N, C-alpha and C. Protein backbone atom coordinates (compact mmCIF):
# COMPACT_ATOMS: atom_id res chain seq x y z
N MET A 1 0.87 -1.21 0.31
CA MET A 1 -0.06 -0.01 0.15
C MET A 1 0.63 1.33 0.24
N SER A 2 0.60 2.24 -0.52
CA SER A 2 1.60 3.14 -0.91
C SER A 2 0.92 4.28 0.68
N LYS A 3 2.01 5.32 0.17
CA LYS A 3 2.17 5.94 1.48
C LYS A 3 0.13 7.20 1.10
N THR A 4 0.51 7.49 0.25
CA THR A 4 -0.88 8.55 -0.64
C THR A 4 -2.20 7.52 -0.06
N GLN A 5 -2.16 5.97 -0.26
CA GLN A 5 -3.66 5.22 -0.12
C GLN A 5 -3.66 5.14 1.38
N LYS A 6 -2.74 4.97 1.97
CA LYS A 6 -2.62 4.86 3.36
C LYS A 6 -3.53 6.36 4.17
N LEU A 7 -2.46 7.46 3.60
CA LEU A 7 -3.01 8.82 4.29
C LEU A 7 -4.17 8.95 3.88
N THR A 8 -5.08 8.62 2.38
CA THR A 8 -6.35 8.54 2.12
C THR A 8 -7.22 7.76 3.33
N LYS A 9 -6.92 6.60 3.11
CA LYS A 9 -7.98 5.72 4.65
C LYS A 9 -7.57 6.31 5.83
N ILE A 10 -6.90 6.89 6.17
CA ILE A 10 -6.50 7.57 7.54
C ILE A 10 -7.40 8.61 8.13
N SER A 11 -7.43 9.48 6.66
CA SER A 11 -8.06 10.61 6.49
C SER A 11 -9.66 10.48 6.51
N ILE A 12 -10.08 9.28 5.70
CA ILE A 12 -11.35 8.76 5.71
C ILE A 12 -12.07 8.59 6.92
N LEU A 13 -11.37 7.50 7.59
CA LEU A 13 -11.48 7.34 8.92
C LEU A 13 -11.82 8.70 10.15
N ALA A 14 -10.43 9.53 9.76
CA ALA A 14 -10.54 10.58 10.96
C ALA A 14 -12.14 11.29 10.34
N ALA A 15 -12.63 11.52 9.29
CA ALA A 15 -13.61 12.19 9.14
C ALA A 15 -15.16 11.57 9.63
N ILE A 16 -14.65 10.34 9.32
CA ILE A 16 -15.91 9.46 9.88
C ILE A 16 -16.27 9.42 11.67
N ALA A 17 -15.00 9.48 12.20
CA ALA A 17 -14.73 9.76 13.60
C ALA A 17 -15.76 11.00 13.76
N TYR A 18 -15.21 11.78 13.01
CA TYR A 18 -15.74 13.13 13.28
C TYR A 18 -17.22 13.71 13.22
N LEU A 19 -17.62 13.31 11.88
CA LEU A 19 -19.01 13.17 11.82
C LEU A 19 -20.11 11.94 12.99
N VAL A 20 -19.49 10.84 13.13
CA VAL A 20 -19.89 10.55 14.27
C VAL A 20 -19.99 11.01 15.47
N MET A 21 -19.07 12.00 15.74
CA MET A 21 -18.79 12.38 17.50
C MET A 21 -20.52 13.53 17.36
N PHE A 22 -20.45 13.82 16.77
CA PHE A 22 -21.86 14.85 16.85
C PHE A 22 -23.20 14.00 17.15
N ILE A 23 -23.19 12.77 17.01
CA ILE A 23 -24.38 11.80 17.41
C ILE A 23 -23.97 11.11 18.59
N GLU A 24 -24.45 11.99 19.70
CA GLU A 24 -24.42 11.65 21.36
C GLU A 24 -25.44 11.48 21.89
N PHE A 25 -25.85 10.73 22.88
CA PHE A 25 -27.07 11.11 23.19
C PHE A 25 -26.78 10.70 24.99
N PRO A 26 -27.54 10.83 26.28
CA PRO A 26 -27.19 10.95 27.00
C PRO A 26 -27.39 9.78 28.20
N LEU A 27 -26.74 9.85 28.87
CA LEU A 27 -26.85 8.47 29.77
C LEU A 27 -27.81 8.76 30.99
N PRO A 28 -28.66 7.79 31.14
CA PRO A 28 -29.87 7.83 32.04
C PRO A 28 -29.62 7.94 33.50
N PHE A 29 -29.84 8.47 34.22
CA PHE A 29 -29.80 8.60 35.80
C PHE A 29 -28.10 9.57 35.86
N PHE A 30 -27.36 9.58 35.24
CA PHE A 30 -26.04 10.57 35.43
C PHE A 30 -26.35 12.01 34.64
N PRO A 31 -25.19 12.91 35.06
CA PRO A 31 -25.50 14.20 34.79
C PRO A 31 -25.49 14.49 33.31
N ASP A 32 -25.85 15.27 32.63
CA ASP A 32 -26.18 15.91 31.02
C ASP A 32 -24.96 15.98 30.57
N PHE A 33 -23.83 16.19 31.32
CA PHE A 33 -22.45 16.12 30.36
C PHE A 33 -21.90 15.13 30.20
N LEU A 34 -22.60 13.94 30.93
CA LEU A 34 -22.05 12.45 30.26
C LEU A 34 -22.87 11.82 29.26
N LYS A 35 -22.53 11.90 28.09
CA LYS A 35 -22.51 11.11 26.65
C LYS A 35 -22.42 10.04 26.56
N ILE A 36 -23.04 8.99 25.65
CA ILE A 36 -22.27 8.20 24.68
C ILE A 36 -21.91 8.62 23.61
N ASP A 37 -20.44 8.36 23.42
CA ASP A 37 -20.15 8.75 22.17
C ASP A 37 -18.70 7.70 21.28
N LEU A 38 -19.75 7.29 20.16
CA LEU A 38 -19.51 6.38 19.77
C LEU A 38 -18.08 6.44 18.68
N SER A 39 -17.51 7.71 18.92
CA SER A 39 -16.59 8.01 17.41
C SER A 39 -15.28 7.77 17.28
N ASP A 40 -15.18 6.60 18.80
CA ASP A 40 -13.83 5.91 18.71
C ASP A 40 -13.61 4.70 18.06
N VAL A 41 -15.10 4.43 17.36
CA VAL A 41 -14.87 3.33 16.58
C VAL A 41 -14.17 3.19 15.46
N PRO A 42 -14.40 4.16 14.57
CA PRO A 42 -13.47 3.91 13.45
C PRO A 42 -11.65 4.35 13.77
N ALA A 43 -11.45 4.90 15.08
CA ALA A 43 -10.12 4.80 15.78
C ALA A 43 -9.47 3.77 16.21
N LEU A 44 -10.62 2.89 16.55
CA LEU A 44 -10.39 1.13 16.54
C LEU A 44 -10.09 0.40 15.25
N PHE A 45 -10.95 0.80 13.92
CA PHE A 45 -10.72 0.38 12.96
C PHE A 45 -9.35 0.60 12.79
N ALA A 46 -8.96 1.80 12.08
CA ALA A 46 -7.82 2.13 12.29
C ALA A 46 -6.54 1.50 12.88
N ALA A 47 -7.32 1.22 13.85
CA ALA A 47 -5.58 0.48 15.07
C ALA A 47 -5.71 -0.79 14.48
N PHE A 48 -6.80 -1.08 13.88
CA PHE A 48 -6.59 -3.26 14.34
C PHE A 48 -5.88 -2.67 12.17
N ALA A 49 -6.15 -2.04 11.64
CA ALA A 49 -5.72 -1.80 10.12
C ALA A 49 -4.30 -1.09 9.87
N PHE A 50 -3.98 -0.37 10.67
CA PHE A 50 -2.73 0.43 10.16
C PHE A 50 -1.76 0.44 11.59
N GLY A 51 -2.35 -0.06 12.89
CA GLY A 51 -1.54 -0.08 13.87
C GLY A 51 -1.95 0.96 15.02
N PRO A 52 -1.30 1.07 15.86
CA PRO A 52 -1.65 2.01 17.62
C PRO A 52 -1.41 3.32 16.62
N VAL A 53 -0.29 3.68 16.28
CA VAL A 53 -0.38 4.96 16.31
C VAL A 53 -1.07 6.18 14.90
N PHE A 54 -1.24 5.10 14.41
CA PHE A 54 -2.11 5.98 13.09
C PHE A 54 -3.73 5.94 13.50
N ALA A 55 -4.04 5.42 14.81
CA ALA A 55 -5.23 5.44 15.33
C ALA A 55 -5.16 6.67 16.44
N VAL A 56 -4.48 6.91 17.24
CA VAL A 56 -3.81 7.98 17.90
C VAL A 56 -3.68 9.41 17.15
N VAL A 57 -3.32 9.49 15.92
CA VAL A 57 -3.33 10.00 14.62
C VAL A 57 -5.33 10.41 14.36
N VAL A 58 -5.96 9.44 14.23
CA VAL A 58 -7.23 9.35 13.81
C VAL A 58 -7.68 10.33 15.48
N GLU A 59 -7.34 9.95 16.34
CA GLU A 59 -7.88 10.83 17.48
C GLU A 59 -7.86 12.01 17.22
N ALA A 60 -6.78 12.20 16.99
CA ALA A 60 -5.78 13.87 17.47
C ALA A 60 -6.76 14.86 15.97
N VAL A 61 -7.05 14.17 15.24
CA VAL A 61 -7.66 15.11 13.84
C VAL A 61 -9.26 15.03 14.68
N LYS A 62 -9.94 13.98 14.79
CA LYS A 62 -11.13 13.90 15.10
C LYS A 62 -11.02 14.94 16.12
N ASN A 63 -10.77 15.21 17.07
CA ASN A 63 -10.66 16.20 18.16
C ASN A 63 -10.04 17.36 17.89
N LEU A 64 -9.15 17.76 17.48
CA LEU A 64 -8.75 18.98 16.60
C LEU A 64 -10.03 19.83 15.76
N LEU A 65 -10.74 18.70 14.59
CA LEU A 65 -11.61 19.15 14.14
C LEU A 65 -12.87 19.73 14.85
N HIS A 66 -13.31 19.03 15.80
CA HIS A 66 -13.82 19.23 16.90
C HIS A 66 -14.26 20.12 17.67
N LEU A 67 -12.86 20.59 18.12
CA LEU A 67 -12.14 21.76 18.67
C LEU A 67 -12.46 22.97 18.10
N ILE A 68 -12.26 23.01 16.67
CA ILE A 68 -12.56 24.28 15.68
C ILE A 68 -13.87 24.29 15.25
N THR A 69 -14.47 23.50 15.09
CA THR A 69 -15.87 23.47 14.65
C THR A 69 -17.12 24.00 15.61
N LYS A 70 -16.54 23.45 16.97
CA LYS A 70 -18.01 23.16 18.25
C LYS A 70 -17.12 24.02 19.25
N GLY A 71 -15.83 23.58 19.65
CA GLY A 71 -15.33 24.13 20.54
C GLY A 71 -16.15 24.81 21.84
N SER A 72 -17.10 24.11 22.33
CA SER A 72 -18.15 24.30 23.23
C SER A 72 -17.01 24.47 24.85
N THR A 73 -16.30 23.65 24.73
CA THR A 73 -15.55 23.27 25.73
C THR A 73 -14.56 24.00 26.14
N SER A 74 -14.01 24.92 25.13
CA SER A 74 -12.80 25.64 25.22
C SER A 74 -11.77 24.77 25.46
N GLY A 75 -11.77 23.30 24.65
CA GLY A 75 -10.55 22.50 24.47
C GLY A 75 -10.29 21.37 25.79
N ILE A 76 -10.94 21.62 26.82
CA ILE A 76 -10.85 20.80 27.91
C ILE A 76 -11.56 19.31 27.65
N GLY A 77 -12.87 19.74 26.96
CA GLY A 77 -13.44 18.39 26.61
C GLY A 77 -12.52 17.26 25.59
N GLU A 78 -12.13 18.25 24.52
CA GLU A 78 -11.96 17.65 23.28
C GLU A 78 -10.22 16.87 24.14
N LEU A 79 -9.59 17.38 24.82
CA LEU A 79 -8.49 16.96 25.42
C LEU A 79 -8.65 15.92 26.06
N ALA A 80 -9.93 15.80 26.87
CA ALA A 80 -10.13 14.72 28.01
C ALA A 80 -10.52 13.56 26.67
N ASN A 81 -10.89 13.56 26.11
CA ASN A 81 -11.71 12.76 24.69
C ASN A 81 -10.35 12.26 23.88
N PHE A 82 -9.61 13.45 23.93
CA PHE A 82 -8.00 12.49 23.17
C PHE A 82 -7.60 11.70 23.95
N ILE A 83 -7.45 12.33 25.39
CA ILE A 83 -6.07 11.18 26.15
C ILE A 83 -7.58 9.74 26.34
N VAL A 84 -8.57 10.00 26.86
CA VAL A 84 -9.39 8.77 26.86
C VAL A 84 -9.08 7.82 25.78
N GLY A 85 -9.70 8.56 24.55
CA GLY A 85 -9.49 7.93 23.48
C GLY A 85 -8.36 7.36 23.14
N SER A 86 -7.21 7.97 23.51
CA SER A 86 -6.01 7.47 22.47
C SER A 86 -5.98 6.42 23.40
N SER A 87 -5.89 6.37 24.67
CA SER A 87 -5.84 5.42 25.40
C SER A 87 -5.97 4.33 25.16
N LEU A 88 -7.07 4.00 24.86
CA LEU A 88 -8.08 2.70 24.43
C LEU A 88 -7.76 2.52 23.11
N VAL A 89 -7.41 3.23 22.36
CA VAL A 89 -7.25 2.53 20.84
C VAL A 89 -5.45 2.17 20.94
N TYR A 90 -4.80 2.82 21.24
CA TYR A 90 -3.24 2.55 21.45
C TYR A 90 -2.96 0.91 21.85
N THR A 91 -3.97 0.64 23.10
CA THR A 91 -3.72 -0.48 23.99
C THR A 91 -4.42 -1.43 23.16
N ALA A 92 -5.75 -1.47 22.63
CA ALA A 92 -6.35 -2.25 21.46
C ALA A 92 -5.24 -2.47 20.37
N GLY A 93 -4.69 -1.61 19.83
CA GLY A 93 -4.00 -1.61 18.74
C GLY A 93 -2.89 -2.29 18.71
N ALA A 94 -1.98 -1.82 19.92
CA ALA A 94 -0.55 -2.53 20.67
C ALA A 94 -1.14 -3.91 20.85
N LEU A 95 -1.89 -4.32 22.07
CA LEU A 95 -2.27 -5.57 21.98
C LEU A 95 -2.19 -6.83 20.62
N TYR A 96 -3.15 -6.38 19.79
CA TYR A 96 -3.74 -6.35 18.10
C TYR A 96 -2.13 -6.73 17.42
N LYS A 97 -1.38 -5.91 17.85
CA LYS A 97 -0.18 -5.90 17.03
C LYS A 97 0.63 -7.45 17.27
N ARG A 98 0.68 -6.97 18.73
CA ARG A 98 1.30 -8.10 19.18
C ARG A 98 0.88 -9.62 18.78
N ASP A 99 -0.17 -9.85 18.94
CA ASP A 99 -0.64 -11.26 18.81
C ASP A 99 -1.73 -10.81 17.66
N LYS A 100 -1.97 -11.37 16.61
CA LYS A 100 -2.70 -10.90 15.51
C LYS A 100 -3.54 -12.21 15.85
N THR A 101 -4.73 -12.71 16.22
CA THR A 101 -5.37 -14.03 16.33
C THR A 101 -6.43 -13.63 17.01
N LYS A 102 -7.59 -14.34 16.71
CA LYS A 102 -8.72 -14.34 17.50
C LYS A 102 -9.11 -15.18 18.00
N LYS A 103 -7.96 -15.67 18.87
CA LYS A 103 -8.68 -16.89 19.79
C LYS A 103 -8.24 -15.69 21.26
N GLU A 104 -9.33 -16.32 22.33
CA GLU A 104 -9.59 -15.76 23.35
C GLU A 104 -8.80 -15.86 24.27
N GLN A 105 -8.08 -15.17 24.33
CA GLN A 105 -6.47 -14.93 25.56
C GLN A 105 -6.92 -13.61 26.77
N PHE A 106 -6.30 -14.20 28.11
CA PHE A 106 -6.62 -13.11 29.18
C PHE A 106 -5.22 -12.75 29.33
N TYR A 107 -5.05 -11.27 29.77
CA TYR A 107 -3.86 -10.44 29.87
C TYR A 107 -4.42 -10.13 31.27
N LEU A 108 -2.97 -10.44 32.05
CA LEU A 108 -2.81 -10.16 33.55
C LEU A 108 -1.85 -8.96 33.49
């Protein structure tokens, strides 16, 4: 796969993650600012397809675009989303890269 193809696919995944970020709904019995956000799913696809570093890039682009366009939290919410999302996708991508198998395993 050429660099241009990889860059294009990563950009498409980041754009999809940005668009999915607008679909959020509140959790019942919790404060209004806690919402379910499924925008990490495209970043997980990037982690499994291209590796953990590229998944973190998808997270960064997604949050940067959200900060530029919406920016209602002055960057604090986007930073928190980036830290939590990046730790999720990096860990999943690194474990998958280490053991590319569908076999059930337990990590301690």
